[in-house]
Amino acid sequence: MHCERFLCILRIIGTTLFGVSLLLGITAAYIVGYQFIQTDNYYFSFGLYGAFLASHLIIQSLFAFLEHRKMKKSLETPIKLNKTVALCIAAYQEDPDYLRKCLQSVKRLTYPGIKVVMVIDGNSEDDLYMMDIFSEVMGRDKSATYIWKNNYHVKGPGETDESHKESSQHVTQLVLSNKSICIMQKWGGKREVMYTAFRALGRSVDYVQRCKKIVCTPAEGAGENLQDQRKAMKYFSQKLGKMGAMKILIGKYRNSK
């Protein structure tokens, strides 16, 4: 890691020095006006200024050729698609057409074995249309849906600690056992929605990609408290280390602004 950064700095310094020296050389050659070859009446002449320009053209062409050859080799190298990937979608009162187009684009992804997890921030009847759209686009026989009365941090009405733990485990099992899953949960803000997706996935996949924003409103995350954020930080610190947890939570704060 440090070696790559050092080489990158050397390349930047070398490129800058080369550009400055070339500019100074061309300027000096233009001022001096020294000629290597010239004909009578100066119909044709080739001087120091022209030599610098020709050298610059040759060097540029050489590096362009090397770069094209490098890119061609990289394209010919077979790509290993053996990493497991999960795509997480956070939904909150989305426009039906917009949500349908988002899911259709997700369905067209050709990466083998990609897992799609859509978590809806809200479990009322007004939010059911998003789950229906998910089932319609992803296929009712190829996807799973679940209406959760609570979320990982808030219990449902009349729920005990034991039943809350069982429902949390059930959500995790649904996410792990299905390629396409839609979960409606108790409203808690965008961070709570993404926490559900990350928590359920755990270490079952190598990479997790979150859809940047379907529709983001300024009110998202307004009802979240500090205690929930500390719980999230503790969980991700155990799974990913403190730096990984910081990156996830900082990214969520940025995207909620």
C-alpha atoms as a PDB file:
ATOM      1  CA  MET A   1       0.000   0.000   0.000  1.00  0.00           C
ATOM      2  CA  HIS A   2       2.728   2.468   0.989  1.00  0.00           C
ATOM      3  CA  CYS A   3       4.862   1.348  -1.972  1.00  0.00           C
ATOM      4  CA  GLU A   4       2.036   2.061  -4.439  1.00  0.00           C
ATOM      5  CA  ARG A   5       1.476   5.505  -2.939  1.00  0.00           C
ATOM      6  CA  PHE A   6       5.211   6.264  -3.150  1.00  0.00           C
ATOM      7  CA  LEU A   7       5.319   5.210  -6.821  1.00  0.00           C
ATOM      8  CA  CYS A   8       2.278   7.368  -7.537  1.00  0.00           C
ATOM      9  CA  ILE A   9       3.985  10.396  -5.965  1.00  0.00           C
ATOM     10  CA  LEU A  10       7.139   9.714  -8.011  1.00  0.00           C
ATOM     11  CA  ARG A  11       5.080   9.565 -11.213  1.00  0.00           C
ATOM     12  CA  ILE A  12       3.428  12.894 -10.413  1.00  0.00           C
ATOM     13  CA  ILE A  13       6.765  14.556  -9.638  1.00  0.00           C
ATOM     14  CA  GLY A  14       8.407  13.077 -12.750  1.00  0.00           C
ATOM     15  CA  THR A  15       5.546  14.150 -15.019  1.00  0.00           C
ATOM     16  CA  THR A  16       5.581  17.674 -13.576  1.00  0.00           C
ATOM     17  CA  LEU A  17       9.363  18.048 -13.960  1.00  0.00           C
ATOM     18  CA  PHE A  18       9.218  16.702 -17.510  1.00  0.00           C
ATOM     19  CA  GLY A  19       6.484  19.156 -18.458  1.00  0.00           C
ATOM     20  CA  VAL A  20       8.286  22.127 -16.904  1.00  0.00           C
ATOM     21  CA  SER A  21      11.643  21.240 -18.511  1.00  0.00           C
ATOM     22  CA  LEU A  22       9.986  20.753 -21.895  1.00  0.00           C
ATOM     23  CA  LEU A  23       8.205  24.093 -21.634  1.00  0.00           C
ATOM     24  CA  LEU A  24      11.410  25.889 -20.666  1.00  0.00           C
ATOM     25  CA  GLY A  25      13.355  24.162 -23.438  1.00  0.00           C
ATOM     26  CA  ILE A  26      10.802  25.057 -26.113  1.00  0.00           C
ATOM     27  CA  THR A  27      10.650  28.651 -24.879  1.00  0.00           C
ATOM     28  CA  ALA A  28      14.451  28.969 -24.907  1.00  0.00           C
ATOM     29  CA  ALA A  29      14.707  27.386 -28.358  1.00  0.00           C
ATOM     30  CA  TYR A  30      12.064  29.745 -29.708  1.00  0.00           C
ATOM     31  CA  ILE A  31      13.879  32.770 -28.299  1.00  0.00           C
ATOM     32  CA  VAL A  32      17.315  31.697 -29.550  1.00  0.00           C
ATOM     33  CA  GLY A  33      15.978  30.645 -32.940  1.00  0.00           C
ATOM     34  CA  TYR A  34      18.907  28.310 -33.728  1.00  0.00           C
ATOM     35  CA  GLN A  35      18.486  26.482 -37.061  1.00  0.00           C
ATOM     36  CA  PHE A  36      19.903  23.023 -37.868  1.00  0.00           C
ATOM     37  CA  ILE A  37      18.825  22.980 -41.509  1.00  0.00           C
ATOM     38  CA  GLN A  38      17.665  25.819 -43.690  1.00  0.00           C
ATOM     39  CA  THR A  39      17.322  26.584 -47.376  1.00  0.00           C
ATOM     40  CA  ASP A  40      17.879  29.788 -49.245  1.00  0.00           C
ATOM     41  CA  ASN A  41      15.191  32.363 -48.613  1.00  0.00           C
ATOM     42  CA  TYR A  42      14.049  30.181 -45.658  1.00  0.00           C
ATOM     43  CA  TYR A  43      11.502  28.171 -47.678  1.00  0.00           C
ATOM     44  CA  PHE A  44      12.322  25.267 -45.378  1.00  0.00           C
ATOM     45  CA  SER A  45      14.075  25.234 -42.028  1.00  0.00           C
ATOM     46  CA  PHE A  46      14.408  22.888 -39.103  1.00  0.00           C
ATOM     47  CA  GLY A  47      15.769  24.321 -35.899  1.00  0.00           C
ATOM     48  CA  LEU A  48      16.044  23.711 -32.188  1.00  0.00           C
ATOM     49  CA  TYR A  49      12.422  24.746 -31.602  1.00  0.00           C
ATOM     50  CA  GLY A  50      11.186  22.231 -34.168  1.00  0.00           C
ATOM     51  CA  ALA A  51      13.393  19.523 -32.652  1.00  0.00           C
ATOM     52  CA  PHE A  52      11.775  20.036 -29.255  1.00  0.00           C
ATOM     53  CA  LEU A  53       8.290  19.857 -30.765  1.00  0.00           C
ATOM     54  CA  ALA A  54       9.153  16.718 -32.735  1.00  0.00           C
ATOM     55  CA  SER A  55      10.643  15.082 -29.626  1.00  0.00           C
ATOM     56  CA  HIS A  56       7.521  15.934 -27.667  1.00  0.00           C
ATOM     57  CA  LEU A  57       5.316  14.392 -30.364  1.00  0.00           C
ATOM     58  CA  ILE A  58       7.406  11.200 -30.475  1.00  0.00           C
ATOM     59  CA  ILE A  59       7.412  10.821 -26.680  1.00  0.00           C
ATOM     60  CA  GLN A  60       3.640  11.399 -26.482  1.00  0.00           C
ATOM     61  CA  SER A  61       3.036   8.833 -29.214  1.00  0.00           C
ATOM     62  CA  LEU A  62       5.277   6.304 -27.451  1.00  0.00           C
ATOM     63  CA  PHE A  63       3.462   6.632 -24.122  1.00  0.00           C
ATOM     64  CA  ALA A  64       0.067   6.514 -25.854  1.00  0.00           C
ATOM     65  CA  PHE A  65       1.110   3.284 -27.602  1.00  0.00           C
ATOM     66  CA  LEU A  66       2.278   1.740 -24.313  1.00  0.00           C
ATOM     67  CA  GLU A  67      -0.959   2.745 -22.576  1.00  0.00           C
ATOM     68  CA  HIS A  68      -3.103   1.275 -25.369  1.00  0.00           C
ATOM     69  CA  ARG A  69      -1.122  -1.967 -25.238  1.00  0.00           C
ATOM     70  CA  LYS A  70      -1.567  -2.135 -21.464  1.00  0.00           C
ATOM     71  CA  MET A  71      -5.321  -1.562 -21.755  1.00  0.00           C
ATOM     72  CA  LYS A  72      -5.607  -4.193 -24.485  1.00  0.00           C
ATOM     73  CA  LYS A  73      -3.876  -6.764 -22.278  1.00  0.00           C
ATOM     74  CA  SER A  74      -6.164  -5.940 -19.352  1.00  0.00           C
ATOM     75  CA  LEU A  75      -9.245  -6.405 -21.551  1.00  0.00           C
ATOM     76  CA  GLU A  76      -7.973  -9.769 -22.760  1.00  0.00           C
ATOM     77  CA  THR A  77      -7.487 -10.979 -19.186  1.00  0.00           C
ATOM     78  CA  PRO A  78     -10.548 -13.021 -18.133  1.00  0.00           C
ATOM     79  CA  ILE A  79     -12.502 -11.489 -15.261  1.00  0.00           C
ATOM     80  CA  LYS A  80     -13.180 -13.797 -12.337  1.00  0.00           C
ATOM     81  CA  LEU A  81     -16.756 -13.311 -11.171  1.00  0.00           C
ATOM     82  CA  ASN A  82     -16.384 -15.449  -8.076  1.00  0.00           C
ATOM     83  CA  LYS A  83     -17.083 -12.789  -5.445  1.00  0.00           C
ATOM     84  CA  THR A  84     -20.502 -12.606  -3.812  1.00  0.00           C
ATOM     85  CA  VAL A  85     -22.218  -9.224  -4.091  1.00  0.00           C
ATOM     86  CA  ALA A  86     -25.323  -7.772  -2.434  1.00  0.00           C
ATOM     87  CA  LEU A  87     -27.246  -4.707  -3.609  1.00  0.00           C
ATOM     88  CA  CYS A  88     -29.182  -2.886  -0.884  1.00  0.00           C
ATOM     89  CA  ILE A  89     -32.059  -0.538  -1.730  1.00  0.00           C
ATOM     90  CA  ALA A  90     -33.561   1.851   0.827  1.00  0.00           C
ATOM     91  CA  ALA A  91     -37.135   2.886   0.009  1.00  0.00           C
ATOM     92  CA  TYR A  92     -39.356   5.510   1.628  1.00  0.00           C
ATOM     93  CA  GLN A  93     -42.620   6.651   0.011  1.00  0.00           C
ATOM     94  CA  GLU A  94     -41.094   6.395  -3.461  1.00  0.00           C
ATOM     95  CA  ASP A  95     -42.690   7.421  -6.725  1.00  0.00           C
ATOM     96  CA  PRO A  96     -44.130   4.176  -8.196  1.00  0.00           C
ATOM     97  CA  ASP A  97     -42.770   4.730 -11.716  1.00  0.00           C
ATOM     98  CA  TYR A  98     -39.364   5.745 -10.396  1.00  0.00           C
ATOM     99  CA  LEU A  99     -39.172   2.708  -8.112  1.00  0.00           C
ATOM    100  CA  ARG A 100     -40.279   0.360 -10.892  1.00  0.00           C
ATOM    101  CA  LYS A 101     -37.558   1.679 -13.225  1.00  0.00           C
ATOM    102  CA  CYS A 102     -34.972   1.298 -10.458  1.00  0.00           C
ATOM    103  CA  LEU A 103     -35.927  -2.339  -9.882  1.00  0.00           C
ATOM    104  CA  GLN A 104     -36.044  -3.080 -13.610  1.00  0.00           C
ATOM    105  CA  SER A 105     -32.482  -1.796 -13.988  1.00  0.00           C
ATOM    106  CA  VAL A 106     -31.431  -3.961 -11.029  1.00  0.00           C
ATOM    107  CA  LYS A 107     -33.094  -7.006 -12.568  1.00  0.00           C
ATOM    108  CA  ARG A 108     -31.109  -6.503 -15.781  1.00  0.00           C
ATOM    109  CA  LEU A 109     -27.787  -6.853 -13.934  1.00  0.00           C
ATOM    110  CA  THR A 110     -25.852  -9.816 -15.281  1.00  0.00           C
ATOM    111  CA  TYR A 111     -23.466 -10.402 -12.376  1.00  0.00           C
ATOM    112  CA  PRO A 112     -23.906 -14.051 -11.324  1.00  0.00           C
ATOM    113  CA  GLY A 113     -25.548 -14.707  -7.983  1.00  0.00           C
ATOM    114  CA  ILE A 114     -26.128 -11.073  -7.011  1.00  0.00           C
ATOM    115  CA  LYS A 115     -28.363 -10.678  -3.946  1.00  0.00           C
ATOM    116  CA  VAL A 116     -30.956  -7.866  -3.876  1.00  0.00           C
ATOM    117  CA  VAL A 117     -32.237  -6.609  -0.517  1.00  0.00           C
ATOM    118  CA  MET A 118     -34.865  -3.857  -0.490  1.00  0.00           C
ATOM    119  CA  VAL A 119     -35.877  -2.478   2.902  1.00  0.00           C
ATOM    120  CA  ILE A 120     -38.929  -0.215   3.124  1.00  0.00           C
ATOM    121  CA  ASP A 121     -38.908   2.424   5.847  1.00  0.00           C
ATOM    122  CA  GLY A 122     -42.468   1.961   7.101  1.00  0.00           C
ATOM    123  CA  ASN A 123     -44.897  -0.920   7.510  1.00  0.00           C
ATOM    124  CA  SER A 124     -48.303   0.733   7.155  1.00  0.00           C
ATOM    125  CA  GLU A 125     -50.884   0.036   4.451  1.00  0.00           C
ATOM    126  CA  ASP A 126     -49.724   3.165   2.617  1.00  0.00           C
ATOM    127  CA  ASP A 127     -46.335   1.496   2.079  1.00  0.00           C
ATOM    128  CA  LEU A 128     -47.651  -1.781   0.651  1.00  0.00           C
ATOM    129  CA  TYR A 129     -47.531  -0.535  -2.951  1.00  0.00           C
ATOM    130  CA  MET A 130     -43.708  -0.593  -2.865  1.00  0.00           C
ATOM    131  CA  MET A 131     -43.674  -4.242  -1.822  1.00  0.00           C
ATOM    132  CA  ASP A 132     -46.194  -5.047  -4.580  1.00  0.00           C
ATOM    133  CA  ILE A 133     -43.964  -3.340  -7.157  1.00  0.00           C
ATOM    134  CA  PHE A 134     -40.972  -5.335  -5.907  1.00  0.00           C
ATOM    135  CA  SER A 135     -42.863  -8.632  -6.255  1.00  0.00           C
ATOM    136  CA  GLU A 136     -44.172  -7.634  -9.680  1.00  0.00           C
ATOM    137  CA  VAL A 137     -40.774  -6.683 -11.114  1.00  0.00           C
ATOM    138  CA  MET A 138     -38.553  -9.285  -9.439  1.00  0.00           C
ATOM    139  CA  GLY A 139     -41.103 -12.090  -9.806  1.00  0.00           C
ATOM    140  CA  ARG A 140     -43.401 -13.381  -7.080  1.00  0.00           C
ATOM    141  CA  ASP A 141     -42.057 -16.914  -7.423  1.00  0.00           C
ATOM    142  CA  LYS A 142     -38.417 -15.763  -7.387  1.00  0.00           C
ATOM    143  CA  SER A 143     -38.529 -13.320  -4.478  1.00  0.00           C
ATOM    144  CA  ALA A 144     -39.562 -13.229  -0.832  1.00  0.00           C
ATOM    145  CA  THR A 145     -41.379 -10.522   1.122  1.00  0.00           C
ATOM    146  CA  TYR A 146     -41.851  -9.933   4.826  1.00  0.00           C
ATOM    147  CA  ILE A 147     -43.762  -7.326   6.837  1.00  0.00           C
ATOM    148  CA  TRP A 148     -41.898  -6.716  10.078  1.00  0.00           C
ATOM    149  CA  LYS A 149     -43.844  -5.078  12.894  1.00  0.00           C
ATOM    150  CA  ASN A 150     -40.671  -3.641  14.338  1.00  0.00           C
ATOM    151  CA  ASN A 151     -36.979  -3.217  13.473  1.00  0.00           C
ATOM    152  CA  TYR A 152     -33.701  -4.244  15.058  1.00  0.00           C
ATOM    153  CA  HIS A 153     -33.812  -1.485  17.671  1.00  0.00           C
ATOM    154  CA  VAL A 154     -37.534  -0.968  18.327  1.00  0.00           C
ATOM    155  CA  LYS A 155     -39.993  -3.599  19.515  1.00  0.00           C
ATOM    156  CA  GLY A 156     -43.498  -3.944  18.178  1.00  0.00           C
ATOM    157  CA  PRO A 157     -46.589  -3.299  20.353  1.00  0.00           C
ATOM    158  CA  GLY A 158     -46.870  -5.938  23.068  1.00  0.00           C
ATOM    159  CA  GLU A 159     -43.678  -7.695  21.970  1.00  0.00           C
ATOM    160  CA  THR A 160     -41.308  -9.319  24.446  1.00  0.00           C
ATOM    161  CA  ASP A 161     -37.531  -9.529  24.296  1.00  0.00           C
ATOM    162  CA  GLU A 162     -37.743 -13.176  23.290  1.00  0.00           C
ATOM    163  CA  SER A 163     -40.226 -12.610  20.461  1.00  0.00           C
ATOM    164  CA  HIS A 164     -38.224  -9.616  19.251  1.00  0.00           C
ATOM    165  CA  LYS A 165     -35.095 -11.766  19.115  1.00  0.00           C
ATOM    166  CA  GLU A 166     -36.952 -14.481  17.197  1.00  0.00           C
ATOM    167  CA  SER A 167     -38.317 -12.008  14.640  1.00  0.00           C
ATOM    168  CA  SER A 168     -34.833 -10.533  14.160  1.00  0.00           C
ATOM    169  CA  GLN A 169     -33.408 -13.995  13.535  1.00  0.00           C
ATOM    170  CA  HIS A 170     -36.244 -14.727  11.110  1.00  0.00           C
ATOM    171  CA  VAL A 171     -35.412 -11.595   9.090  1.00  0.00           C
ATOM    172  CA  THR A 172     -31.746 -12.583   8.980  1.00  0.00           C
ATOM    173  CA  GLN A 173     -32.636 -16.082   7.809  1.00  0.00           C
ATOM    174  CA  LEU A 174     -34.924 -14.728   5.073  1.00  0.00           C
ATOM    175  CA  VAL A 175     -32.174 -12.447   3.756  1.00  0.00           C
ATOM    176  CA  LEU A 176     -29.581 -15.220   3.771  1.00  0.00           C
ATOM    177  CA  SER A 177     -31.814 -17.808   2.085  1.00  0.00           C
ATOM    178  CA  ASN A 178     -33.224 -15.674  -0.766  1.00  0.00           C
ATOM    179  CA  LYS A 179     -31.614 -13.916  -3.712  1.00  0.00           C
ATOM    180  CA  SER A 180     -34.314 -11.227  -3.812  1.00  0.00           C
ATOM    181  CA  ILE A 181     -35.984 -10.110  -0.605  1.00  0.00           C
ATOM    182  CA  CYS A 182     -38.174  -7.125   0.324  1.00  0.00           C
ATOM    183  CA  ILE A 183     -38.698  -6.213   3.978  1.00  0.00           C
ATOM    184  CA  MET A 184     -41.171  -3.685   5.341  1.00  0.00           C
ATOM    185  CA  GLN A 185     -40.223  -2.569   8.823  1.00  0.00           C
ATOM    186  CA  LYS A 186     -41.243  -0.045  11.456  1.00  0.00           C
ATOM    187  CA  TRP A 187     -40.287   3.497  10.495  1.00  0.00           C
ATOM    188  CA  GLY A 188     -36.911   4.511  11.877  1.00  0.00           C
ATOM    189  CA  GLY A 189     -35.166   6.582   9.223  1.00  0.00           C
ATOM    190  CA  LYS A 190     -32.740   5.734   6.444  1.00  0.00           C
ATOM    191  CA  ARG A 191     -29.938   4.710   8.789  1.00  0.00           C
ATOM    192  CA  GLU A 192     -32.201   2.163  10.453  1.00  0.00           C
ATOM    193  CA  VAL A 193     -33.167   0.782   7.042  1.00  0.00           C
ATOM    194  CA  MET A 194     -29.559   0.338   5.970  1.00  0.00           C
ATOM    195  CA  TYR A 195     -28.673  -1.099   9.376  1.00  0.00           C
ATOM    196  CA  THR A 196     -31.253  -3.834   8.783  1.00  0.00           C
ATOM    197  CA  ALA A 197     -29.720  -4.729   5.417  1.00  0.00           C
ATOM    198  CA  PHE A 198     -26.131  -4.748   6.704  1.00  0.00           C
ATOM    199  CA  ARG A 199     -27.035  -6.571   9.913  1.00  0.00           C
ATOM    200  CA  ALA A 200     -28.970  -9.319   8.110  1.00  0.00           C
ATOM    201  CA  LEU A 201     -26.273  -9.830   5.478  1.00  0.00           C
ATOM    202  CA  GLY A 202     -23.442  -9.988   8.013  1.00  0.00           C
ATOM    203  CA  ARG A 203     -20.447 -11.709   6.418  1.00  0.00           C
ATOM    204  CA  SER A 204     -22.452 -13.725   3.903  1.00  0.00           C
ATOM    205  CA  VAL A 205     -21.211 -11.625   0.959  1.00  0.00           C
ATOM    206  CA  ASP A 206     -17.861 -10.172  -0.079  1.00  0.00           C
ATOM    207  CA  TYR A 207     -19.161  -6.773  -1.233  1.00  0.00           C
ATOM    208  CA  VAL A 208     -22.219  -4.650  -0.446  1.00  0.00           C
ATOM    209  CA  GLN A 209     -23.367  -1.863  -2.759  1.00  0.00           C
ATOM    210  CA  ARG A 210     -26.048   0.586  -1.717  1.00  0.00           C
ATOM    211  CA  CYS A 211     -28.232   2.380  -4.252  1.00  0.00           C
ATOM    212  CA  LYS A 212     -27.174   6.005  -3.737  1.00  0.00           C
ATOM    213  CA  LYS A 213     -30.591   7.613  -3.503  1.00  0.00           C
ATOM    214  CA  ILE A 214     -33.974   6.716  -4.932  1.00  0.00           C
ATOM    215  CA  VAL A 215     -35.685   9.696  -3.299  1.00  0.00           C
ATOM    216  CA  CYS A 216     -34.076  11.446  -0.356  1.00  0.00           C
ATOM    217  CA  THR A 217     -36.017  14.023   1.654  1.00  0.00           C
ATOM    218  CA  PRO A 218     -34.602  16.401   4.299  1.00  0.00           C
ATOM    219  CA  ALA A 219     -36.789  14.742   6.955  1.00  0.00           C
ATOM    220  CA  GLU A 220     -35.042  11.385   6.593  1.00  0.00           C
ATOM    221  CA  GLY A 221     -33.232  10.392   9.751  1.00  0.00           C
ATOM    222  CA  ALA A 222     -34.839  13.113  11.852  1.00  0.00           C
ATOM    223  CA  GLY A 223     -36.274  10.639  14.362  1.00  0.00           C
ATOM    224  CA  GLU A 224     -33.039   8.758  15.019  1.00  0.00           C
ATOM    225  CA  ASN A 225     -31.322   9.070  18.366  1.00  0.00           C
ATOM    226  CA  LEU A 226     -27.747   8.838  19.559  1.00  0.00           C
ATOM    227  CA  GLN A 227     -28.297   5.529  21.324  1.00  0.00           C
ATOM    228  CA  ASP A 228     -29.196   3.788  18.054  1.00  0.00           C
ATOM    229  CA  GLN A 229     -26.070   5.185  16.394  1.00  0.00           C
ATOM    230  CA  ARG A 230     -23.897   3.850  19.219  1.00  0.00           C
ATOM    231  CA  LYS A 231     -25.477   0.413  18.816  1.00  0.00           C
ATOM    232  CA  ALA A 232     -24.802   0.524  15.092  1.00  0.00           C
ATOM    233  CA  MET A 233     -21.189   1.590  15.646  1.00  0.00           C
ATOM    234  CA  LYS A 234     -20.672  -1.219  18.173  1.00  0.00           C
ATOM    235  CA  TYR A 235     -22.053  -3.836  15.793  1.00  0.00           C
ATOM    236  CA  PHE A 236     -20.080  -2.729  12.736  1.00  0.00           C
ATOM    237  CA  SER A 237     -16.912  -2.363  14.831  1.00  0.00           C
ATOM    238  CA  GLN A 238     -17.200  -6.024  15.791  1.00  0.00           C
ATOM    239  CA  LYS A 239     -17.813  -7.120  12.199  1.00  0.00           C
ATOM    240  CA  LEU A 240     -15.603  -4.771  10.186  1.00  0.00           C
ATOM    241  CA  GLY A 241     -13.271  -3.080  12.638  1.00  0.00           C
ATOM    242  CA  LYS A 242     -13.525   0.538  13.762  1.00  0.00           C
ATOM    243  CA  MET A 243     -12.363   2.036  10.452  1.00  0.00           C
ATOM    244  CA  GLY A 244     -14.928   0.053   8.458  1.00  0.00           C
ATOM    245  CA  ALA A 245     -17.685   1.073  10.855  1.00  0.00           C
ATOM    246  CA  MET A 246     -16.676   4.724  10.632  1.00  0.00           C
ATOM    247  CA  LYS A 247     -16.765   4.637   6.821  1.00  0.00           C
ATOM    248  CA  ILE A 248     -20.266   3.136   6.801  1.00  0.00           C
ATOM    249  CA  LEU A 249     -21.725   5.559   9.331  1.00  0.00           C
ATOM    250  CA  ILE A 250     -19.994   8.630   7.892  1.00  0.00           C
ATOM    251  CA  GLY A 251     -21.285   7.698   4.445  1.00  0.00           C
ATOM    252  CA  LYS A 252     -24.810   7.497   5.824  1.00  0.00           C
ATOM    253  CA  TYR A 253     -24.523  10.908   7.471  1.00  0.00           C
ATOM    254  CA  ARG A 254     -23.300  12.441   4.212  1.00  0.00           C
ATOM    255  CA  ASN A 255     -26.058  10.882   2.140  1.00  0.00           C
ATOM    256  CA  SER A 256     -28.739  12.044   4.544  1.00  0.00           C
ATOM    257  CA  LYS A 257     -27.809  15.703   4.233  1.00  0.00           C
END
